[in-house]
């Protein structure tokens, strides 16, 4: 995955901006969570406390069905797209239903993590699935990690 990442340090607040073009793995028909394979990484430098915000478009090719998505993170090798759910899932699960076949829905996933180990690299991903059927797709637009 090619990323355009900027890291800023302002008043001891580290900000990782990922303003790459959208990342869009192949859709899934799984009704069990699978990994998107986003694989963005971040390394806490000061406190081990971070705010993560991720914006994405989701849709399902079946009208009246939907997509669920949840932030995931971990250490080691980031999971590949379509891999079984791994790492730690955090924050709420966003669930969106497509009013029409392939209708786009925007979701924002956000969480504050504490207790991360300073100097350890973590990967960030999204676990997602179809809710009851159809093909669920996700397109990650923007990721933001702020250490404070």
N, C-alpha and C. Protein backbone atom coordinates (compact mmCIF):
# COMPACT_ATOMS: atom_id res chain seq x y z
N UNK A 1 0.84 -1.16 0.00
CA UNK A 1 0.00 0.00 0.00
C UNK A 1 0.89 1.23 0.00
N UNK A 2 0.63 2.16 -0.87
CA UNK A 2 1.38 3.40 -0.93
C UNK A 2 0.67 4.44 -0.07
N UNK A 3 1.39 5.08 0.81
CA UNK A 3 0.81 6.07 1.71
C UNK A 3 1.51 7.41 1.53
N UNK A 4 0.79 8.46 1.76
CA UNK A 4 1.34 9.81 1.84
C UNK A 4 1.11 10.25 3.28
N UNK A 5 2.09 10.05 4.13
CA UNK A 5 1.92 10.27 5.56
C UNK A 5 2.77 11.45 6.01
N UNK A 6 2.22 12.28 6.86
CA UNK A 6 2.93 13.38 7.46
C UNK A 6 2.87 13.21 8.97
N UNK A 7 3.98 13.44 9.64
CA UNK A 7 3.99 13.44 11.10
C UNK A 7 4.39 14.83 11.56
N UNK A 8 3.60 15.40 12.45
CA UNK A 8 3.86 16.72 12.99
C UNK A 8 4.05 16.61 14.49
N UNK A 9 4.92 17.41 15.07
CA UNK A 9 5.08 17.48 16.51
C UNK A 9 4.88 18.93 16.92
N UNK A 10 3.75 19.20 17.60
CA UNK A 10 3.40 20.54 18.01
C UNK A 10 3.12 20.53 19.51
N UNK A 11 3.89 21.27 20.28
CA UNK A 11 3.68 21.33 21.73
C UNK A 11 3.56 19.95 22.35
N UNK A 12 4.45 19.06 21.95
CA UNK A 12 4.48 17.68 22.44
C UNK A 12 3.24 16.87 22.08
N UNK A 13 2.52 17.29 21.08
CA UNK A 13 1.41 16.50 20.54
C UNK A 13 1.84 16.01 19.17
N UNK A 14 1.87 14.71 19.00
CA UNK A 14 2.28 14.11 17.74
C UNK A 14 1.05 13.81 16.90
N UNK A 15 1.04 14.26 15.66
CA UNK A 15 -0.09 14.06 14.77
C UNK A 15 0.37 13.31 13.54
N UNK A 16 -0.24 12.17 13.26
CA UNK A 16 0.04 11.41 12.04
C UNK A 16 -1.14 11.60 11.12
N UNK A 17 -0.90 12.22 9.98
CA UNK A 17 -1.95 12.45 9.00
C UNK A 17 -1.75 11.50 7.82
N UNK A 18 -2.78 10.76 7.48
CA UNK A 18 -2.72 9.91 6.30
C UNK A 18 -3.69 10.50 5.30
N UNK A 19 -3.16 11.21 4.33
CA UNK A 19 -4.03 11.82 3.33
C UNK A 19 -3.82 11.17 1.97
N UNK A 20 -3.71 9.86 2.01
CA UNK A 20 -3.53 9.11 0.77
C UNK A 20 -4.84 9.08 0.00
N UNK A 21 -4.76 8.60 -1.22
CA UNK A 21 -5.99 8.35 -1.95
C UNK A 21 -6.72 7.23 -1.24
N UNK A 22 -7.99 7.11 -1.48
CA UNK A 22 -8.81 6.11 -0.80
C UNK A 22 -8.24 4.71 -0.96
N UNK A 23 -8.33 3.93 0.10
CA UNK A 23 -7.90 2.54 0.08
C UNK A 23 -9.16 1.69 0.00
N UNK A 24 -9.27 0.88 -1.03
CA UNK A 24 -10.48 0.10 -1.25
C UNK A 24 -10.15 -1.36 -1.54
N UNK A 25 -10.23 -2.23 -0.52
CA UNK A 25 -10.00 -3.66 -0.78
C UNK A 25 -11.19 -4.25 -1.52
N UNK A 26 -11.03 -5.47 -1.99
CA UNK A 26 -12.15 -6.18 -2.62
C UNK A 26 -13.27 -6.34 -1.60
N UNK A 27 -14.49 -6.37 -2.06
CA UNK A 27 -15.64 -6.56 -1.18
C UNK A 27 -15.64 -7.95 -0.56
N UNK A 28 -16.50 -8.12 0.44
CA UNK A 28 -16.63 -9.41 1.09
C UNK A 28 -18.09 -9.82 1.20
N UNK A 29 -18.34 -11.09 1.07
CA UNK A 29 -19.68 -11.64 1.29
C UNK A 29 -19.80 -12.23 2.69
N UNK A 30 -18.71 -12.18 3.45
CA UNK A 30 -18.70 -12.74 4.80
C UNK A 30 -19.63 -11.97 5.72
N UNK A 31 -20.38 -12.69 6.55
CA UNK A 31 -21.18 -12.05 7.59
C UNK A 31 -20.43 -12.10 8.93
N UNK A 32 -19.20 -12.59 8.89
CA UNK A 32 -18.29 -12.57 10.02
C UNK A 32 -17.21 -11.55 9.70
N UNK A 33 -16.79 -10.77 10.66
CA UNK A 33 -15.80 -9.73 10.41
C UNK A 33 -14.53 -10.28 9.76
N UNK A 34 -14.03 -9.54 8.77
CA UNK A 34 -12.74 -9.80 8.12
C UNK A 34 -11.97 -8.49 8.10
N UNK A 35 -10.67 -8.58 7.92
CA UNK A 35 -9.83 -7.39 7.92
C UNK A 35 -9.82 -6.72 6.55
N UNK A 36 -9.79 -5.39 6.57
CA UNK A 36 -9.74 -4.62 5.32
C UNK A 36 -8.33 -4.61 4.72
N UNK A 37 -7.31 -4.79 5.55
CA UNK A 37 -5.93 -4.77 5.05
C UNK A 37 -5.37 -3.38 4.88
N UNK A 38 -5.91 -2.40 5.59
CA UNK A 38 -5.47 -1.00 5.51
C UNK A 38 -4.00 -0.85 5.89
N UNK A 39 -3.61 -1.39 7.03
CA UNK A 39 -2.20 -1.48 7.39
C UNK A 39 -1.46 -0.21 7.70
N UNK A 40 -2.15 0.89 7.96
CA UNK A 40 -1.47 2.11 8.37
C UNK A 40 -0.76 1.85 9.70
N UNK A 41 0.44 2.38 9.88
CA UNK A 41 1.15 2.18 11.14
C UNK A 41 1.39 3.51 11.84
N UNK A 42 1.55 3.42 13.17
CA UNK A 42 1.90 4.60 13.97
C UNK A 42 2.72 4.13 15.16
N UNK A 43 3.58 5.02 15.65
CA UNK A 43 4.45 4.70 16.79
C UNK A 43 4.33 5.80 17.82
N UNK A 44 3.70 5.53 18.97
CA UNK A 44 3.63 6.55 20.03
C UNK A 44 5.03 6.97 20.46
N UNK A 45 5.22 8.28 20.64
CA UNK A 45 6.54 8.82 20.97
C UNK A 45 6.63 9.43 22.36
N UNK A 46 5.51 9.81 22.95
CA UNK A 46 5.56 10.57 24.21
C UNK A 46 4.73 9.96 25.34
N UNK A 47 3.46 9.68 25.09
CA UNK A 47 2.54 9.34 26.18
C UNK A 47 1.91 7.95 26.08
N UNK A 48 1.82 7.40 24.88
CA UNK A 48 1.11 6.14 24.70
C UNK A 48 -0.40 6.29 24.72
N UNK A 49 -0.88 7.53 24.59
CA UNK A 49 -2.32 7.83 24.56
C UNK A 49 -2.62 8.48 23.22
N UNK A 50 -3.51 7.89 22.44
CA UNK A 50 -3.79 8.40 21.10
C UNK A 50 -5.29 8.49 20.83
N UNK A 51 -5.62 9.43 20.00
CA UNK A 51 -6.96 9.56 19.43
C UNK A 51 -6.85 9.08 17.99
N UNK A 52 -7.73 8.16 17.60
CA UNK A 52 -7.76 7.66 16.22
C UNK A 52 -9.12 8.02 15.63
N UNK A 53 -9.09 8.62 14.45
CA UNK A 53 -10.31 8.91 13.70
C UNK A 53 -10.11 8.38 12.29
N UNK A 54 -11.06 7.61 11.82
CA UNK A 54 -10.98 7.04 10.48
C UNK A 54 -12.31 7.29 9.77
N UNK A 55 -12.24 7.85 8.58
CA UNK A 55 -13.43 8.11 7.76
C UNK A 55 -13.47 7.13 6.60
N UNK A 56 -14.65 6.59 6.31
CA UNK A 56 -14.78 5.61 5.24
C UNK A 56 -16.16 5.68 4.59
N UNK A 57 -16.22 5.22 3.37
CA UNK A 57 -17.49 4.97 2.68
C UNK A 57 -17.73 3.48 2.70
N UNK A 58 -18.95 3.06 3.00
CA UNK A 58 -19.30 1.65 2.97
C UNK A 58 -20.57 1.48 2.14
N UNK A 59 -20.71 0.31 1.55
CA UNK A 59 -21.97 0.01 0.86
C UNK A 59 -22.14 -1.49 0.73
N UNK A 60 -23.34 -1.89 0.39
CA UNK A 60 -23.67 -3.28 0.14
C UNK A 60 -24.41 -3.32 -1.18
N UNK A 61 -24.11 -4.32 -2.00
CA UNK A 61 -24.74 -4.38 -3.33
C UNK A 61 -26.17 -4.87 -3.29
N UNK A 62 -26.68 -5.16 -2.10
CA UNK A 62 -28.06 -5.62 -1.94
C UNK A 62 -28.86 -4.57 -1.19
N UNK A 63 -29.91 -4.06 -1.82
CA UNK A 63 -30.75 -3.06 -1.17
C UNK A 63 -31.32 -3.63 0.12
N UNK A 64 -31.30 -2.82 1.17
CA UNK A 64 -31.83 -3.23 2.46
C UNK A 64 -30.85 -4.02 3.31
N UNK A 65 -29.69 -4.33 2.77
CA UNK A 65 -28.66 -4.99 3.55
C UNK A 65 -27.60 -3.96 3.87
N UNK A 66 -26.59 -4.34 4.59
CA UNK A 66 -25.63 -3.33 5.00
C UNK A 66 -24.25 -3.84 5.32
N UNK A 67 -23.51 -2.97 6.00
CA UNK A 67 -22.12 -3.22 6.35
C UNK A 67 -21.94 -2.84 7.81
N UNK A 68 -21.13 -3.63 8.51
CA UNK A 68 -20.70 -3.23 9.85
C UNK A 68 -19.19 -3.12 9.83
N UNK A 69 -18.66 -2.16 10.61
CA UNK A 69 -17.22 -1.91 10.61
C UNK A 69 -16.78 -1.47 12.01
N UNK A 70 -15.56 -1.89 12.39
CA UNK A 70 -15.01 -1.54 13.70
C UNK A 70 -13.50 -1.35 13.57
N UNK A 71 -12.96 -0.36 14.27
CA UNK A 71 -11.51 -0.13 14.27
C UNK A 71 -10.79 -1.31 14.92
N UNK A 72 -9.63 -1.62 14.39
CA UNK A 72 -8.79 -2.69 14.94
C UNK A 72 -7.35 -2.20 14.95
N UNK A 73 -6.59 -2.67 15.94
CA UNK A 73 -5.16 -2.33 15.98
C UNK A 73 -4.39 -3.48 16.59
N UNK A 74 -3.08 -3.47 16.35
CA UNK A 74 -2.24 -4.51 16.92
C UNK A 74 -0.78 -4.22 16.62
N UNK A 75 0.08 -5.15 17.01
CA UNK A 75 1.51 -5.03 16.75
C UNK A 75 1.92 -6.17 15.83
N UNK A 76 3.13 -6.10 15.33
CA UNK A 76 3.62 -7.14 14.43
C UNK A 76 3.19 -6.84 13.00
N UNK A 77 3.03 -7.87 12.22
CA UNK A 77 2.66 -7.72 10.82
C UNK A 77 1.19 -7.38 10.68
N UNK A 78 0.90 -6.33 9.94
CA UNK A 78 -0.50 -5.94 9.71
C UNK A 78 -1.21 -7.02 8.90
N UNK A 79 -2.49 -7.25 9.16
CA UNK A 79 -3.23 -8.28 8.44
C UNK A 79 -3.49 -7.90 6.97
N UNK A 80 -3.64 -8.91 6.16
CA UNK A 80 -3.96 -8.72 4.75
C UNK A 80 -5.47 -8.55 4.59
N UNK A 81 -5.86 -7.97 3.46
CA UNK A 81 -7.28 -7.83 3.16
C UNK A 81 -7.93 -9.20 3.11
N UNK A 82 -9.08 -9.32 3.77
CA UNK A 82 -9.83 -10.57 3.77
C UNK A 82 -9.41 -11.56 4.84
N UNK A 83 -8.35 -11.23 5.59
CA UNK A 83 -7.88 -12.14 6.65
C UNK A 83 -8.92 -12.22 7.77
N UNK A 84 -8.87 -13.32 8.51
CA UNK A 84 -9.74 -13.46 9.68
C UNK A 84 -9.45 -12.33 10.65
N UNK A 85 -10.47 -11.93 11.39
CA UNK A 85 -10.32 -10.81 12.32
C UNK A 85 -9.17 -11.10 13.30
N UNK A 86 -8.35 -10.07 13.53
CA UNK A 86 -7.18 -10.20 14.39
C UNK A 86 -6.94 -8.88 15.10
N UNK A 87 -6.01 -8.86 16.03
CA UNK A 87 -5.73 -7.65 16.78
C UNK A 87 -6.82 -7.40 17.80
N UNK A 88 -6.92 -6.14 18.19
CA UNK A 88 -7.91 -5.72 19.18
C UNK A 88 -8.93 -4.81 18.50
N UNK A 89 -10.21 -5.12 18.67
CA UNK A 89 -11.26 -4.29 18.10
C UNK A 89 -11.68 -3.28 19.17
N UNK A 90 -11.77 -2.02 18.80
CA UNK A 90 -12.02 -0.95 19.76
C UNK A 90 -13.08 0.03 19.25
N UNK A 91 -13.72 0.70 20.20
CA UNK A 91 -14.75 1.68 19.85
C UNK A 91 -16.04 0.97 19.48
N UNK A 92 -16.99 1.72 19.07
CA UNK A 92 -18.27 1.14 18.68
C UNK A 92 -18.22 0.55 17.29
N UNK A 93 -19.17 -0.31 17.02
CA UNK A 93 -19.31 -0.89 15.68
C UNK A 93 -20.30 -0.04 14.89
N UNK A 94 -19.85 0.49 13.77
CA UNK A 94 -20.73 1.26 12.89
C UNK A 94 -21.50 0.28 12.02
N UNK A 95 -22.82 0.46 11.95
CA UNK A 95 -23.67 -0.38 11.10
C UNK A 95 -24.48 0.54 10.20
N UNK A 96 -24.33 0.33 8.91
CA UNK A 96 -25.05 1.14 7.93
C UNK A 96 -25.79 0.23 6.97
N UNK A 97 -27.02 0.60 6.65
CA UNK A 97 -27.84 -0.16 5.72
C UNK A 97 -27.95 0.60 4.40
N UNK A 98 -27.78 -0.11 3.30
CA UNK A 98 -27.90 0.50 1.97
C UNK A 98 -29.38 0.58 1.58
N UNK A 99 -29.88 1.79 1.41
CA UNK A 99 -31.27 1.98 1.03
C UNK A 99 -31.53 1.43 -0.37
N UNK A 100 -30.56 1.57 -1.24
CA UNK A 100 -30.64 1.03 -2.60
C UNK A 100 -29.38 0.22 -2.84
N UNK A 101 -29.40 -0.65 -3.80
CA UNK A 101 -28.23 -1.46 -4.10
C UNK A 101 -27.02 -0.57 -4.33
N UNK A 102 -25.94 -0.85 -3.62
CA UNK A 102 -24.66 -0.15 -3.74
C UNK A 102 -24.71 1.33 -3.35
N UNK A 103 -25.74 1.73 -2.60
CA UNK A 103 -25.81 3.11 -2.13
C UNK A 103 -24.70 3.36 -1.12
N UNK A 104 -23.97 4.44 -1.28
CA UNK A 104 -22.84 4.77 -0.43
C UNK A 104 -23.29 5.37 0.89
N UNK A 105 -22.68 4.92 1.98
CA UNK A 105 -22.93 5.46 3.31
C UNK A 105 -21.58 5.85 3.90
N UNK A 106 -21.52 6.99 4.55
CA UNK A 106 -20.27 7.43 5.15
C UNK A 106 -20.28 7.10 6.63
N UNK A 107 -19.13 6.60 7.13
CA UNK A 107 -19.00 6.30 8.55
C UNK A 107 -17.74 6.96 9.08
N UNK A 108 -17.79 7.34 10.34
CA UNK A 108 -16.62 7.85 11.06
C UNK A 108 -16.42 6.95 12.27
N UNK A 109 -15.23 6.39 12.38
CA UNK A 109 -14.88 5.55 13.50
C UNK A 109 -13.86 6.31 14.33
N UNK A 110 -14.07 6.38 15.64
CA UNK A 110 -13.16 7.14 16.49
C UNK A 110 -13.02 6.46 17.84
N UNK A 111 -11.82 6.57 18.41
CA UNK A 111 -11.55 5.99 19.72
C UNK A 111 -10.32 6.65 20.33
N UNK A 112 -10.27 6.70 21.65
CA UNK A 112 -9.07 7.09 22.37
C UNK A 112 -8.49 5.82 22.97
N UNK A 113 -7.22 5.55 22.68
CA UNK A 113 -6.51 4.41 23.25
C UNK A 113 -5.52 4.92 24.28
N UNK A 114 -5.42 4.23 25.40
CA UNK A 114 -4.45 4.59 26.42
C UNK A 114 -3.60 3.36 26.74
N UNK A 115 -2.46 3.60 27.32
CA UNK A 115 -1.61 2.49 27.74
C UNK A 115 -0.79 1.85 26.65
N UNK A 116 -0.70 2.50 25.48
CA UNK A 116 0.15 1.96 24.42
C UNK A 116 1.61 2.15 24.82
N UNK A 117 2.47 1.28 24.34
CA UNK A 117 3.88 1.33 24.69
C UNK A 117 4.63 2.32 23.80
N UNK A 118 5.23 3.34 24.42
CA UNK A 118 6.02 4.32 23.68
C UNK A 118 7.15 3.61 22.95
N UNK A 119 7.34 3.95 21.67
CA UNK A 119 8.39 3.35 20.86
C UNK A 119 7.98 2.07 20.15
N UNK A 120 6.80 1.55 20.42
CA UNK A 120 6.31 0.34 19.74
C UNK A 120 5.45 0.74 18.55
N UNK A 121 5.67 0.10 17.42
CA UNK A 121 4.87 0.39 16.23
C UNK A 121 3.60 -0.46 16.24
N UNK A 122 2.48 0.20 15.99
CA UNK A 122 1.17 -0.44 15.94
C UNK A 122 0.60 -0.29 14.54
N UNK A 123 -0.17 -1.27 14.11
CA UNK A 123 -0.90 -1.14 12.85
C UNK A 123 -2.35 -0.78 13.16
N UNK A 124 -2.98 -0.13 12.20
CA UNK A 124 -4.37 0.30 12.29
C UNK A 124 -5.11 -0.31 11.10
N UNK A 125 -6.29 -0.85 11.36
CA UNK A 125 -7.08 -1.47 10.30
C UNK A 125 -8.55 -1.35 10.66
N UNK A 126 -9.39 -1.86 9.80
CA UNK A 126 -10.83 -1.93 10.03
C UNK A 126 -11.27 -3.37 9.79
N UNK A 127 -12.03 -3.91 10.73
CA UNK A 127 -12.67 -5.21 10.52
C UNK A 127 -14.09 -4.90 10.03
N UNK A 128 -14.52 -5.56 8.96
CA UNK A 128 -15.84 -5.26 8.42
C UNK A 128 -16.50 -6.52 7.87
N UNK A 129 -17.81 -6.45 7.66
CA UNK A 129 -18.54 -7.59 7.10
C UNK A 129 -19.88 -7.12 6.57
N UNK A 130 -20.50 -7.98 5.78
CA UNK A 130 -21.90 -7.77 5.39
C UNK A 130 -22.73 -8.07 6.64
N UNK A 131 -23.87 -7.42 6.79
CA UNK A 131 -24.68 -7.65 7.98
C UNK A 131 -25.44 -8.97 7.86
N UNK A 132 -26.20 -9.17 6.78
CA UNK A 132 -26.92 -10.45 6.63
C UNK A 132 -26.71 -11.09 5.27
N UNK A 133 -26.14 -10.38 4.32
CA UNK A 133 -25.91 -10.94 2.98
C UNK A 133 -25.42 -9.89 2.02
N UNK A 134 -25.36 -10.26 0.76
CA UNK A 134 -24.84 -9.34 -0.25
C UNK A 134 -23.33 -9.23 -0.16
N UNK A 135 -22.79 -8.28 -0.91
CA UNK A 135 -21.34 -8.02 -0.88
C UNK A 135 -21.11 -6.66 -0.24
N UNK A 136 -20.37 -6.66 0.86
CA UNK A 136 -20.05 -5.42 1.58
C UNK A 136 -18.72 -4.89 1.05
N UNK A 137 -18.67 -3.58 0.84
CA UNK A 137 -17.41 -2.95 0.44
C UNK A 137 -17.12 -1.78 1.37
N UNK A 138 -15.83 -1.48 1.48
CA UNK A 138 -15.38 -0.35 2.29
C UNK A 138 -14.30 0.39 1.52
N UNK A 139 -14.34 1.70 1.60
CA UNK A 139 -13.32 2.54 1.02
C UNK A 139 -12.87 3.51 2.09
N UNK A 140 -11.64 3.33 2.56
CA UNK A 140 -11.12 4.17 3.62
C UNK A 140 -10.61 5.47 2.98
N UNK A 141 -11.16 6.57 3.43
CA UNK A 141 -10.85 7.87 2.86
C UNK A 141 -9.70 8.55 3.58
N UNK A 142 -9.73 8.51 4.91
CA UNK A 142 -8.78 9.31 5.68
C UNK A 142 -8.57 8.71 7.05
N UNK A 143 -7.34 8.67 7.49
CA UNK A 143 -7.02 8.21 8.85
C UNK A 143 -6.23 9.27 9.57
N UNK A 144 -6.53 9.47 10.85
CA UNK A 144 -5.84 10.46 11.65
C UNK A 144 -5.50 9.82 13.00
N UNK A 145 -4.25 9.94 13.42
CA UNK A 145 -3.80 9.47 14.73
C UNK A 145 -3.15 10.65 15.42
N UNK A 146 -3.64 11.01 16.60
CA UNK A 146 -3.09 12.12 17.37
C UNK A 146 -2.65 11.58 18.72
N UNK A 147 -1.38 11.71 19.03
CA UNK A 147 -0.89 11.34 20.36
C UNK A 147 -0.91 12.59 21.23
N UNK A 148 -1.45 12.46 22.43
CA UNK A 148 -1.54 13.63 23.31
C UNK A 148 -1.25 13.26 24.76
